[in-house]
Amino acid sequence: MDTTTEATPLRAVALVCTLSPSPKPSSSQLLAEQTMAALADHGVTGKVIRIADHDVKPGVETDMGEGDAWPEIRDTILGSDILILSTPIWLGHPSSICQRVLERLNAELGESDDEGRMLTYGKAAAVCVVGNEDGAHHVSAELFQGLNDVGFSLAPNAVTYWVGEAMQGTDYQDLDKTPEKTAAATKTLAANTAHLARRLRTSPYPSSS
C-alpha cells in the first residue's frame, strides 16, 4: 500500500556550478537557494554545495583518489531524494564545472543495488539555469539527458531559469526583485519534483536484474 503523503519528509541537495568560489556572489547560487526555499514549502530539507569550493577531481570514477572531494559529495547525493543542478550559461552551454559533475555522475552507470538498479533510480532531479544570453532551453536539455542517462527521474517542468538580454551585463543577482515568470517556474519545479520524489520513495522502479 502506498503510504506516502505530502507530509513525508524528503532531503535535497543543490550542486551550484558557478565558476566562482565563495564568498563571491553567484546568480546560480541565488536561484539554487530560492529553489531550496520553494522545496521547503513541500517538506523538503537539505543543503546547497558550491562545487568550486571543493576539490572535485576530473574523471569518471566514484573516487579519483587522494584529495578528491567527490566521494563526500556523492554520499550526500545518495542520501538525498532530490538532486538540483544549478549552472550559469557560458558560450551557450553549461559551465565546465557542471560538465565535470555530470562526468563524475557517469560512474553511477557501474553501480547498482541487489535488484540490478542504479543507486540513483529512486531519486528525482531538477535544473536551475542563469545567464546573460539565450540558451536556457539548450542547457536544460543537455542536463536533462545527462541526468536521465545516469538514473535520475525528472518531473514535468523540472527547470527554472532566467536569462537577460543579449550583449548586456545585468546578472540575476542584480535584479531588484525576482521576475514573476521565474518565481512561478521555481514554484512549479518544487511542487512537481517533491511529488515525484515521494512517489519514487514508496513505489520504486522494477528490478533490472
N, C-alpha and C. Protein backbone atom coordinates (compact mmCIF):
# COMPACT_ATOMS: atom_id res chain seq x y z
N MET A 1 0.84 -1.19 0.00
CA MET A 1 0.00 0.00 0.00
C MET A 1 0.88 1.25 0.00
N ASP A 2 0.51 2.24 -0.78
CA ASP A 2 1.26 3.48 -0.86
C ASP A 2 0.91 4.34 0.35
N THR A 3 1.88 4.49 1.25
CA THR A 3 1.64 5.26 2.47
C THR A 3 2.24 6.66 2.40
N THR A 4 2.77 7.05 1.25
CA THR A 4 3.36 8.38 1.14
C THR A 4 2.30 9.46 1.26
N THR A 5 2.67 10.56 1.87
CA THR A 5 1.78 11.72 1.98
C THR A 5 2.58 12.97 1.69
N GLU A 6 1.87 14.08 1.56
CA GLU A 6 2.56 15.34 1.32
C GLU A 6 3.40 15.75 2.52
N ALA A 7 3.19 15.10 3.67
CA ALA A 7 3.97 15.40 4.86
C ALA A 7 5.23 14.52 4.97
N THR A 8 5.37 13.54 4.09
CA THR A 8 6.55 12.68 4.13
C THR A 8 7.80 13.52 3.95
N PRO A 9 8.72 13.52 4.93
CA PRO A 9 9.91 14.37 4.79
C PRO A 9 10.84 13.87 3.69
N LEU A 10 11.45 14.81 3.01
CA LEU A 10 12.38 14.50 1.94
C LEU A 10 13.66 15.29 2.15
N ARG A 11 14.75 14.81 1.53
CA ARG A 11 16.03 15.51 1.56
C ARG A 11 16.42 15.90 0.14
N ALA A 12 17.04 17.06 0.01
CA ALA A 12 17.52 17.53 -1.30
C ALA A 12 18.92 18.09 -1.15
N VAL A 13 19.68 18.03 -2.22
CA VAL A 13 20.97 18.70 -2.28
C VAL A 13 21.03 19.45 -3.60
N ALA A 14 21.48 20.70 -3.53
CA ALA A 14 21.66 21.51 -4.72
C ALA A 14 23.15 21.70 -4.96
N LEU A 15 23.61 21.30 -6.12
CA LEU A 15 25.01 21.49 -6.50
C LEU A 15 25.10 22.73 -7.39
N VAL A 16 25.79 23.75 -6.88
CA VAL A 16 25.92 25.01 -7.60
C VAL A 16 27.20 24.97 -8.42
N CYS A 17 27.06 25.19 -9.72
CA CYS A 17 28.18 25.00 -10.63
C CYS A 17 28.72 26.31 -11.20
N THR A 18 28.60 27.39 -10.43
CA THR A 18 29.26 28.63 -10.79
C THR A 18 30.77 28.40 -10.87
N LEU A 19 31.45 29.19 -11.69
CA LEU A 19 32.90 29.10 -11.77
C LEU A 19 33.58 29.83 -10.61
N SER A 20 32.81 30.61 -9.85
CA SER A 20 33.37 31.46 -8.80
C SER A 20 33.27 30.79 -7.43
N PRO A 21 34.38 30.67 -6.71
CA PRO A 21 34.31 30.14 -5.35
C PRO A 21 33.72 31.17 -4.39
N SER A 22 33.29 30.70 -3.23
CA SER A 22 32.80 31.60 -2.19
C SER A 22 33.97 32.47 -1.70
N PRO A 23 33.70 33.68 -1.26
CA PRO A 23 32.37 34.26 -0.99
C PRO A 23 31.83 35.13 -2.14
N LYS A 24 32.39 34.97 -3.32
CA LYS A 24 31.93 35.81 -4.43
C LYS A 24 30.45 35.56 -4.70
N PRO A 25 29.65 36.63 -4.87
CA PRO A 25 28.22 36.44 -5.16
C PRO A 25 28.02 35.62 -6.43
N SER A 26 26.92 34.89 -6.47
CA SER A 26 26.66 33.99 -7.60
C SER A 26 25.17 33.95 -7.90
N SER A 27 24.80 34.23 -9.14
CA SER A 27 23.41 34.12 -9.56
C SER A 27 22.94 32.67 -9.51
N SER A 28 23.82 31.74 -9.87
CA SER A 28 23.47 30.32 -9.81
C SER A 28 23.19 29.89 -8.38
N GLN A 29 23.96 30.41 -7.44
CA GLN A 29 23.73 30.12 -6.03
C GLN A 29 22.39 30.69 -5.57
N LEU A 30 22.10 31.93 -5.98
CA LEU A 30 20.85 32.57 -5.58
C LEU A 30 19.65 31.77 -6.06
N LEU A 31 19.64 31.37 -7.33
CA LEU A 31 18.50 30.62 -7.85
C LEU A 31 18.40 29.25 -7.19
N ALA A 32 19.54 28.63 -6.89
CA ALA A 32 19.51 27.34 -6.17
C ALA A 32 18.91 27.51 -4.79
N GLU A 33 19.29 28.57 -4.10
CA GLU A 33 18.75 28.82 -2.76
C GLU A 33 17.26 29.11 -2.81
N GLN A 34 16.82 29.84 -3.83
CA GLN A 34 15.39 30.10 -3.98
C GLN A 34 14.63 28.80 -4.26
N THR A 35 15.24 27.92 -5.02
CA THR A 35 14.61 26.63 -5.31
C THR A 35 14.53 25.77 -4.04
N MET A 36 15.57 25.78 -3.25
CA MET A 36 15.53 25.04 -1.99
C MET A 36 14.46 25.60 -1.05
N ALA A 37 14.31 26.93 -1.05
CA ALA A 37 13.27 27.54 -0.23
C ALA A 37 11.89 27.12 -0.71
N ALA A 38 11.70 27.04 -2.03
CA ALA A 38 10.42 26.59 -2.58
C ALA A 38 10.17 25.13 -2.23
N LEU A 39 11.21 24.30 -2.25
CA LEU A 39 11.07 22.90 -1.88
C LEU A 39 10.70 22.76 -0.40
N ALA A 40 11.21 23.68 0.42
CA ALA A 40 10.90 23.63 1.85
C ALA A 40 9.40 23.74 2.10
N ASP A 41 8.69 24.43 1.20
CA ASP A 41 7.24 24.54 1.33
C ASP A 41 6.55 23.20 1.14
N HIS A 42 7.30 22.21 0.63
CA HIS A 42 6.75 20.87 0.39
C HIS A 42 7.42 19.83 1.30
N GLY A 43 7.93 20.29 2.43
CA GLY A 43 8.50 19.37 3.40
C GLY A 43 9.86 18.83 3.04
N VAL A 44 10.62 19.59 2.24
CA VAL A 44 11.94 19.14 1.81
C VAL A 44 13.02 19.97 2.52
N THR A 45 13.97 19.30 3.14
CA THR A 45 15.12 19.96 3.74
C THR A 45 16.38 19.55 3.00
N GLY A 46 17.48 20.24 3.27
CA GLY A 46 18.70 19.85 2.59
C GLY A 46 19.76 20.92 2.65
N LYS A 47 20.68 20.87 1.68
CA LYS A 47 21.81 21.78 1.70
C LYS A 47 22.20 22.17 0.29
N VAL A 48 22.94 23.28 0.20
CA VAL A 48 23.47 23.78 -1.06
C VAL A 48 24.99 23.64 -1.01
N ILE A 49 25.58 23.06 -2.04
CA ILE A 49 27.02 22.88 -2.12
C ILE A 49 27.55 23.61 -3.35
N ARG A 50 28.46 24.55 -3.15
CA ARG A 50 29.10 25.22 -4.28
C ARG A 50 30.33 24.41 -4.67
N ILE A 51 30.29 23.80 -5.83
CA ILE A 51 31.34 22.86 -6.24
C ILE A 51 32.70 23.53 -6.32
N ALA A 52 32.76 24.79 -6.71
CA ALA A 52 34.04 25.49 -6.84
C ALA A 52 34.76 25.62 -5.51
N ASP A 53 34.06 25.41 -4.39
CA ASP A 53 34.68 25.47 -3.07
C ASP A 53 35.34 24.15 -2.69
N HIS A 54 35.24 23.14 -3.53
CA HIS A 54 35.73 21.80 -3.21
C HIS A 54 36.62 21.28 -4.34
N ASP A 55 37.54 20.43 -3.99
CA ASP A 55 38.48 19.88 -4.97
C ASP A 55 37.89 18.62 -5.60
N VAL A 56 36.98 18.84 -6.54
CA VAL A 56 36.38 17.72 -7.27
C VAL A 56 37.30 17.40 -8.45
N LYS A 57 37.92 16.26 -8.39
CA LYS A 57 38.89 15.88 -9.40
C LYS A 57 38.20 15.52 -10.72
N PRO A 58 38.87 15.73 -11.85
CA PRO A 58 38.32 15.26 -13.13
C PRO A 58 38.36 13.74 -13.19
N GLY A 59 37.39 13.16 -13.88
CA GLY A 59 37.37 11.71 -14.02
C GLY A 59 35.96 11.17 -14.08
N VAL A 60 35.85 9.87 -14.24
CA VAL A 60 34.55 9.22 -14.35
C VAL A 60 34.43 8.05 -13.37
N GLU A 61 35.12 8.16 -12.23
CA GLU A 61 35.05 7.15 -11.18
C GLU A 61 34.37 7.76 -9.95
N THR A 62 33.88 6.90 -9.06
CA THR A 62 33.26 7.40 -7.84
C THR A 62 34.29 8.03 -6.92
N ASP A 63 35.54 7.62 -7.02
CA ASP A 63 36.61 8.16 -6.17
C ASP A 63 37.88 8.24 -7.01
N MET A 64 38.39 9.46 -7.19
CA MET A 64 39.59 9.65 -8.00
C MET A 64 40.85 9.76 -7.16
N GLY A 65 40.77 9.30 -5.91
CA GLY A 65 41.98 9.19 -5.12
C GLY A 65 42.19 10.32 -4.13
N GLU A 66 43.39 10.41 -3.62
CA GLU A 66 43.74 11.33 -2.53
C GLU A 66 43.33 12.77 -2.84
N GLY A 67 42.64 13.38 -1.88
CA GLY A 67 42.25 14.77 -2.02
C GLY A 67 40.95 15.00 -2.77
N ASP A 68 40.39 13.96 -3.35
CA ASP A 68 39.17 14.12 -4.14
C ASP A 68 37.97 14.38 -3.22
N ALA A 69 37.27 15.48 -3.46
CA ALA A 69 36.12 15.84 -2.63
C ALA A 69 34.83 15.18 -3.09
N TRP A 70 34.84 14.54 -4.25
CA TRP A 70 33.60 13.99 -4.78
C TRP A 70 32.98 12.88 -3.92
N PRO A 71 33.77 11.95 -3.34
CA PRO A 71 33.12 10.88 -2.56
C PRO A 71 32.19 11.41 -1.47
N GLU A 72 32.58 12.46 -0.78
CA GLU A 72 31.71 13.01 0.26
C GLU A 72 30.47 13.65 -0.35
N ILE A 73 30.65 14.37 -1.46
CA ILE A 73 29.50 14.96 -2.15
C ILE A 73 28.58 13.86 -2.66
N ARG A 74 29.17 12.81 -3.19
CA ARG A 74 28.37 11.67 -3.68
C ARG A 74 27.56 11.06 -2.56
N ASP A 75 28.15 10.92 -1.38
CA ASP A 75 27.41 10.38 -0.24
C ASP A 75 26.19 11.25 0.08
N THR A 76 26.36 12.57 -0.04
CA THR A 76 25.24 13.47 0.20
C THR A 76 24.15 13.27 -0.85
N ILE A 77 24.55 13.10 -2.10
CA ILE A 77 23.58 12.86 -3.18
C ILE A 77 22.82 11.56 -2.91
N LEU A 78 23.55 10.49 -2.58
CA LEU A 78 22.91 9.20 -2.36
C LEU A 78 22.04 9.19 -1.11
N GLY A 79 22.31 10.10 -0.19
CA GLY A 79 21.49 10.22 1.00
C GLY A 79 20.31 11.16 0.82
N SER A 80 20.13 11.67 -0.38
CA SER A 80 19.04 12.62 -0.67
C SER A 80 18.02 11.99 -1.60
N ASP A 81 16.85 12.58 -1.62
CA ASP A 81 15.79 12.15 -2.54
C ASP A 81 15.78 12.97 -3.82
N ILE A 82 16.36 14.18 -3.75
CA ILE A 82 16.30 15.12 -4.87
C ILE A 82 17.68 15.72 -5.10
N LEU A 83 18.08 15.79 -6.36
CA LEU A 83 19.31 16.48 -6.76
C LEU A 83 18.95 17.67 -7.63
N ILE A 84 19.46 18.84 -7.27
CA ILE A 84 19.29 20.05 -8.07
C ILE A 84 20.65 20.42 -8.65
N LEU A 85 20.73 20.61 -9.95
CA LEU A 85 21.93 21.15 -10.59
C LEU A 85 21.65 22.59 -10.98
N SER A 86 22.50 23.50 -10.55
CA SER A 86 22.33 24.92 -10.88
C SER A 86 23.57 25.40 -11.61
N THR A 87 23.39 25.93 -12.82
CA THR A 87 24.54 26.31 -13.64
C THR A 87 24.33 27.63 -14.36
N PRO A 88 25.41 28.37 -14.56
CA PRO A 88 25.34 29.50 -15.48
C PRO A 88 25.47 29.01 -16.92
N ILE A 89 25.14 29.88 -17.84
CA ILE A 89 25.36 29.61 -19.26
C ILE A 89 26.67 30.27 -19.68
N TRP A 90 27.56 29.50 -20.27
CA TRP A 90 28.78 30.05 -20.84
C TRP A 90 28.91 29.54 -22.27
N LEU A 91 28.96 30.49 -23.23
CA LEU A 91 29.07 30.15 -24.65
C LEU A 91 27.96 29.19 -25.06
N GLY A 92 26.79 29.38 -24.47
CA GLY A 92 25.62 28.59 -24.85
C GLY A 92 25.54 27.22 -24.23
N HIS A 93 26.44 26.91 -23.29
CA HIS A 93 26.50 25.58 -22.69
C HIS A 93 26.54 25.67 -21.17
N PRO A 94 26.32 24.56 -20.48
CA PRO A 94 26.53 24.55 -19.03
C PRO A 94 27.99 24.86 -18.72
N SER A 95 28.26 25.30 -17.51
CA SER A 95 29.63 25.61 -17.13
C SER A 95 30.50 24.36 -17.15
N SER A 96 31.80 24.56 -17.22
CA SER A 96 32.74 23.43 -17.21
C SER A 96 32.63 22.65 -15.90
N ILE A 97 32.33 23.35 -14.81
CA ILE A 97 32.16 22.66 -13.53
C ILE A 97 30.93 21.76 -13.57
N CYS A 98 29.86 22.24 -14.19
CA CYS A 98 28.66 21.41 -14.32
C CYS A 98 28.95 20.18 -15.16
N GLN A 99 29.72 20.34 -16.21
CA GLN A 99 30.11 19.20 -17.03
C GLN A 99 30.93 18.21 -16.22
N ARG A 100 31.79 18.72 -15.35
CA ARG A 100 32.58 17.83 -14.51
C ARG A 100 31.67 17.03 -13.57
N VAL A 101 30.66 17.69 -13.02
CA VAL A 101 29.71 16.98 -12.15
C VAL A 101 29.03 15.85 -12.93
N LEU A 102 28.61 16.13 -14.15
CA LEU A 102 27.99 15.08 -14.96
C LEU A 102 28.97 13.94 -15.22
N GLU A 103 30.22 14.27 -15.47
CA GLU A 103 31.23 13.24 -15.71
C GLU A 103 31.43 12.37 -14.48
N ARG A 104 31.42 12.99 -13.30
CA ARG A 104 31.55 12.19 -12.07
C ARG A 104 30.31 11.35 -11.83
N LEU A 105 29.14 11.89 -12.17
CA LEU A 105 27.90 11.10 -12.05
C LEU A 105 27.88 9.93 -13.02
N ASN A 106 28.67 10.00 -14.07
CA ASN A 106 28.74 8.92 -15.04
C ASN A 106 29.15 7.60 -14.37
N ALA A 107 29.89 7.70 -13.26
CA ALA A 107 30.31 6.49 -12.55
C ALA A 107 29.12 5.68 -12.04
N GLU A 108 27.97 6.34 -11.87
CA GLU A 108 26.79 5.63 -11.35
C GLU A 108 26.29 4.57 -12.33
N LEU A 109 26.71 4.66 -13.58
CA LEU A 109 26.33 3.63 -14.55
C LEU A 109 26.87 2.26 -14.15
N GLY A 110 27.94 2.26 -13.36
CA GLY A 110 28.54 0.99 -12.94
C GLY A 110 28.19 0.57 -11.53
N GLU A 111 27.27 1.29 -10.89
CA GLU A 111 26.87 0.98 -9.52
C GLU A 111 25.41 0.53 -9.50
N SER A 112 25.10 -0.50 -8.73
CA SER A 112 23.71 -0.98 -8.69
C SER A 112 23.40 -1.60 -7.34
N ASP A 113 22.09 -1.73 -7.07
CA ASP A 113 21.65 -2.38 -5.84
C ASP A 113 21.45 -3.87 -6.08
N ASP A 114 20.90 -4.56 -5.10
CA ASP A 114 20.73 -6.01 -5.21
C ASP A 114 19.73 -6.40 -6.29
N GLU A 115 18.91 -5.44 -6.73
CA GLU A 115 17.93 -5.71 -7.77
C GLU A 115 18.42 -5.30 -9.15
N GLY A 116 19.70 -4.89 -9.24
CA GLY A 116 20.27 -4.51 -10.52
C GLY A 116 19.95 -3.09 -10.96
N ARG A 117 19.36 -2.29 -10.06
CA ARG A 117 19.00 -0.92 -10.40
C ARG A 117 20.12 0.04 -10.00
N MET A 118 20.37 1.07 -10.82
CA MET A 118 21.32 2.08 -10.41
C MET A 118 20.89 2.71 -9.09
N LEU A 119 21.84 3.11 -8.29
CA LEU A 119 21.53 3.66 -6.97
C LEU A 119 20.77 4.97 -7.06
N THR A 120 20.78 5.58 -8.23
CA THR A 120 20.08 6.85 -8.45
C THR A 120 18.64 6.67 -8.91
N TYR A 121 18.22 5.44 -9.15
CA TYR A 121 16.90 5.20 -9.73
C TYR A 121 15.74 5.76 -8.89
N GLY A 122 15.91 5.80 -7.58
CA GLY A 122 14.82 6.27 -6.74
C GLY A 122 14.86 7.76 -6.45
N LYS A 123 15.63 8.51 -7.24
CA LYS A 123 15.83 9.93 -6.95
C LYS A 123 15.34 10.81 -8.09
N ALA A 124 14.79 11.95 -7.71
CA ALA A 124 14.35 12.94 -8.70
C ALA A 124 15.43 14.00 -8.87
N ALA A 125 15.43 14.65 -10.02
CA ALA A 125 16.40 15.71 -10.29
C ALA A 125 15.69 16.88 -10.94
N ALA A 126 16.30 18.05 -10.83
CA ALA A 126 15.79 19.25 -11.47
C ALA A 126 16.96 20.19 -11.73
N VAL A 127 16.69 21.25 -12.50
CA VAL A 127 17.76 22.08 -13.04
C VAL A 127 17.43 23.56 -12.86
N CYS A 128 18.46 24.35 -12.52
CA CYS A 128 18.37 25.80 -12.48
C CYS A 128 19.40 26.36 -13.46
N VAL A 129 19.00 27.36 -14.25
CA VAL A 129 19.90 27.92 -15.26
C VAL A 129 19.82 29.44 -15.22
N VAL A 130 20.97 30.11 -15.25
CA VAL A 130 21.01 31.56 -15.33
C VAL A 130 22.04 31.99 -16.36
N GLY A 131 21.82 33.15 -16.98
CA GLY A 131 22.80 33.64 -17.94
C GLY A 131 22.38 34.96 -18.56
N ASN A 132 23.30 35.57 -19.27
CA ASN A 132 23.04 36.83 -19.93
C ASN A 132 22.92 36.66 -21.44
N GLU A 133 22.53 35.52 -21.86
CA GLU A 133 22.31 35.26 -23.27
C GLU A 133 21.25 34.16 -23.37
N ASP A 134 20.68 34.01 -24.54
CA ASP A 134 19.71 32.95 -24.72
C ASP A 134 20.43 31.60 -24.62
N GLY A 135 19.69 30.56 -24.33
CA GLY A 135 20.28 29.24 -24.26
C GLY A 135 19.80 28.40 -23.11
N ALA A 136 18.83 28.88 -22.33
CA ALA A 136 18.37 28.12 -21.17
C ALA A 136 17.75 26.79 -21.59
N HIS A 137 17.00 26.78 -22.69
CA HIS A 137 16.39 25.53 -23.14
C HIS A 137 17.45 24.54 -23.60
N HIS A 138 18.46 25.03 -24.29
CA HIS A 138 19.53 24.15 -24.75
C HIS A 138 20.29 23.57 -23.57
N VAL A 139 20.63 24.41 -22.59
CA VAL A 139 21.37 23.95 -21.42
C VAL A 139 20.54 22.95 -20.62
N SER A 140 19.28 23.24 -20.39
CA SER A 140 18.45 22.31 -19.63
C SER A 140 18.29 20.99 -20.38
N ALA A 141 18.22 21.04 -21.71
CA ALA A 141 18.12 19.81 -22.49
C ALA A 141 19.37 18.94 -22.29
N GLU A 142 20.54 19.57 -22.30
CA GLU A 142 21.77 18.82 -22.06
C GLU A 142 21.77 18.17 -20.69
N LEU A 143 21.36 18.93 -19.68
CA LEU A 143 21.38 18.41 -18.32
C LEU A 143 20.30 17.36 -18.10
N PHE A 144 19.12 17.59 -18.68
CA PHE A 144 18.04 16.59 -18.56
C PHE A 144 18.51 15.24 -19.09
N GLN A 145 19.11 15.25 -20.28
CA GLN A 145 19.54 13.99 -20.89
C GLN A 145 20.63 13.33 -20.05
N GLY A 146 21.61 14.13 -19.59
CA GLY A 146 22.68 13.56 -18.79
C GLY A 146 22.18 12.98 -17.48
N LEU A 147 21.31 13.72 -16.80
CA LEU A 147 20.77 13.23 -15.53
C LEU A 147 19.94 11.96 -15.73
N ASN A 148 19.16 11.93 -16.81
CA ASN A 148 18.37 10.73 -17.09
C ASN A 148 19.26 9.55 -17.41
N ASP A 149 20.33 9.79 -18.16
CA ASP A 149 21.26 8.71 -18.50
C ASP A 149 21.84 8.03 -17.27
N VAL A 150 22.09 8.81 -16.22
CA VAL A 150 22.72 8.25 -15.03
C VAL A 150 21.70 7.90 -13.95
N GLY A 151 20.43 7.79 -14.33
CA GLY A 151 19.45 7.16 -13.45
C GLY A 151 18.46 8.04 -12.73
N PHE A 152 18.57 9.36 -12.87
CA PHE A 152 17.62 10.24 -12.18
C PHE A 152 16.32 10.37 -12.98
N SER A 153 15.24 10.63 -12.26
CA SER A 153 13.94 10.87 -12.87
C SER A 153 13.63 12.35 -12.81
N LEU A 154 12.96 12.86 -13.85
CA LEU A 154 12.63 14.28 -13.91
C LEU A 154 11.14 14.47 -14.06
N ALA A 155 10.60 15.34 -13.23
CA ALA A 155 9.18 15.64 -13.27
C ALA A 155 8.89 16.61 -14.42
N PRO A 156 7.62 16.80 -14.78
CA PRO A 156 7.27 17.84 -15.75
C PRO A 156 7.75 19.21 -15.25
N ASN A 157 8.24 20.03 -16.16
CA ASN A 157 8.68 21.40 -15.84
C ASN A 157 9.74 21.41 -14.74
N ALA A 158 10.71 20.51 -14.87
CA ALA A 158 11.76 20.38 -13.85
C ALA A 158 12.92 21.35 -14.08
N VAL A 159 12.62 22.55 -14.55
CA VAL A 159 13.66 23.57 -14.75
C VAL A 159 13.09 24.94 -14.40
N THR A 160 13.93 25.75 -13.76
CA THR A 160 13.64 27.16 -13.59
C THR A 160 14.83 27.94 -14.11
N TYR A 161 14.57 29.08 -14.75
CA TYR A 161 15.70 29.79 -15.35
C TYR A 161 15.41 31.28 -15.48
N TRP A 162 16.49 32.02 -15.69
CA TRP A 162 16.42 33.43 -16.04
C TRP A 162 17.57 33.73 -16.98
N VAL A 163 17.25 34.40 -18.08
CA VAL A 163 18.29 34.88 -18.98
C VAL A 163 18.03 36.34 -19.29
N GLY A 164 19.07 37.15 -19.20
CA GLY A 164 18.94 38.57 -19.51
C GLY A 164 19.08 38.83 -21.00
N GLU A 165 18.92 40.06 -21.38
CA GLU A 165 19.06 40.44 -22.77
C GLU A 165 20.50 40.20 -23.24
N ALA A 166 20.64 39.86 -24.51
CA ALA A 166 21.97 39.65 -25.07
C ALA A 166 22.78 40.95 -25.06
N MET A 167 24.07 40.80 -24.93
CA MET A 167 25.00 41.93 -25.05
C MET A 167 24.84 42.96 -23.94
N GLN A 168 24.44 42.52 -22.76
CA GLN A 168 24.36 43.45 -21.62
C GLN A 168 24.86 42.73 -20.36
N GLY A 169 25.08 43.49 -19.28
CA GLY A 169 25.80 42.94 -18.15
C GLY A 169 25.01 42.73 -16.88
N THR A 170 23.68 42.82 -16.93
CA THR A 170 22.89 42.61 -15.72
C THR A 170 22.84 41.12 -15.37
N ASP A 171 23.12 40.80 -14.12
CA ASP A 171 23.03 39.43 -13.65
C ASP A 171 21.73 39.23 -12.89
N TYR A 172 21.34 37.99 -12.75
CA TYR A 172 20.13 37.66 -12.00
C TYR A 172 20.20 38.23 -10.58
N GLN A 173 21.36 38.12 -9.97
CA GLN A 173 21.52 38.60 -8.60
C GLN A 173 21.44 40.12 -8.49
N ASP A 174 21.52 40.82 -9.63
CA ASP A 174 21.46 42.29 -9.63
C ASP A 174 20.04 42.82 -9.74
N LEU A 175 19.07 41.94 -9.99
CA LEU A 175 17.69 42.39 -10.17
C LEU A 175 17.11 42.87 -8.85
N ASP A 176 16.23 43.86 -8.93
CA ASP A 176 15.60 44.40 -7.74
C ASP A 176 14.65 43.37 -7.11
N LYS A 177 14.02 42.56 -7.94
CA LYS A 177 13.15 41.51 -7.44
C LYS A 177 13.12 40.36 -8.43
N THR A 178 12.70 39.21 -7.96
CA THR A 178 12.62 38.04 -8.83
C THR A 178 11.50 38.22 -9.84
N PRO A 179 11.77 38.06 -11.14
CA PRO A 179 10.69 38.15 -12.13
C PRO A 179 9.59 37.14 -11.86
N GLU A 180 8.35 37.54 -12.12
CA GLU A 180 7.21 36.68 -11.82
C GLU A 180 7.30 35.34 -12.54
N LYS A 181 7.73 35.34 -13.79
CA LYS A 181 7.81 34.09 -14.56
C LYS A 181 8.82 33.13 -13.95
N THR A 182 9.96 33.66 -13.51
CA THR A 182 10.96 32.80 -12.88
C THR A 182 10.45 32.26 -11.56
N ALA A 183 9.83 33.13 -10.76
CA ALA A 183 9.28 32.69 -9.47
C ALA A 183 8.23 31.61 -9.66
N ALA A 184 7.39 31.76 -10.69
CA ALA A 184 6.36 30.76 -10.96
C ALA A 184 6.98 29.44 -11.40
N ALA A 185 8.04 29.52 -12.23
CA ALA A 185 8.71 28.30 -12.68
C ALA A 185 9.36 27.58 -11.51
N THR A 186 9.96 28.34 -10.60
CA THR A 186 10.59 27.74 -9.42
C THR A 186 9.55 27.05 -8.55
N LYS A 187 8.41 27.68 -8.38
CA LYS A 187 7.33 27.11 -7.57
C LYS A 187 6.83 25.80 -8.18
N THR A 188 6.66 25.79 -9.51
CA THR A 188 6.19 24.58 -10.19
C THR A 188 7.22 23.47 -10.11
N LEU A 189 8.48 23.82 -10.33
CA LEU A 189 9.57 22.84 -10.22
C LEU A 189 9.53 22.17 -8.85
N ALA A 190 9.41 22.98 -7.81
CA ALA A 190 9.43 22.44 -6.44
C ALA A 190 8.25 21.51 -6.19
N ALA A 191 7.07 21.92 -6.58
CA ALA A 191 5.88 21.11 -6.34
C ALA A 191 5.95 19.78 -7.08
N ASN A 192 6.31 19.83 -8.35
CA ASN A 192 6.33 18.61 -9.16
C ASN A 192 7.47 17.67 -8.76
N THR A 193 8.63 18.26 -8.45
CA THR A 193 9.78 17.42 -8.10
C THR A 193 9.58 16.76 -6.75
N ALA A 194 9.03 17.47 -5.77
CA ALA A 194 8.74 16.87 -4.48
C ALA A 194 7.69 15.76 -4.61
N HIS A 195 6.69 16.01 -5.44
CA HIS A 195 5.65 15.00 -5.68
C HIS A 195 6.27 13.73 -6.27
N LEU A 196 7.11 13.88 -7.29
CA LEU A 196 7.73 12.73 -7.92
C LEU A 196 8.64 11.99 -6.94
N ALA A 197 9.42 12.73 -6.16
CA ALA A 197 10.33 12.10 -5.21
C ALA A 197 9.57 11.26 -4.19
N ARG A 198 8.41 11.74 -3.76
CA ARG A 198 7.60 10.97 -2.81
C ARG A 198 7.07 9.68 -3.45
N ARG A 199 6.66 9.77 -4.70
CA ARG A 199 6.18 8.58 -5.38
C ARG A 199 7.31 7.55 -5.52
N LEU A 200 8.50 8.04 -5.85
CA LEU A 200 9.63 7.13 -6.01
C LEU A 200 10.04 6.51 -4.69
N ARG A 201 9.87 7.25 -3.61
CA ARG A 201 10.24 6.75 -2.28
C ARG A 201 9.45 5.48 -1.95
N THR A 202 8.18 5.46 -2.28
CA THR A 202 7.32 4.35 -1.85
C THR A 202 6.98 3.37 -2.97
N SER A 203 7.30 3.74 -4.21
CA SER A 203 7.00 2.86 -5.32
C SER A 203 8.19 2.80 -6.26
N PRO A 204 9.22 2.05 -5.90
CA PRO A 204 10.47 2.02 -6.67
C PRO A 204 10.28 1.37 -8.04
N TYR A 205 11.22 1.66 -8.90
CA TYR A 205 11.22 1.04 -10.22
C TYR A 205 11.43 -0.47 -10.11
N PRO A 206 10.99 -1.24 -11.11
CA PRO A 206 11.14 -2.70 -11.03
C PRO A 206 12.60 -3.13 -11.14
N SER A 207 12.83 -4.36 -10.75
CA SER A 207 14.17 -4.94 -10.82
C SER A 207 14.71 -4.88 -12.24
N SER A 208 16.02 -4.61 -12.34
CA SER A 208 16.68 -4.60 -13.64
C SER A 208 17.52 -5.85 -13.87
N SER A 209 17.49 -6.75 -12.90
CA SER A 209 18.31 -7.97 -12.99
C SER A 209 17.53 -9.12 -13.62
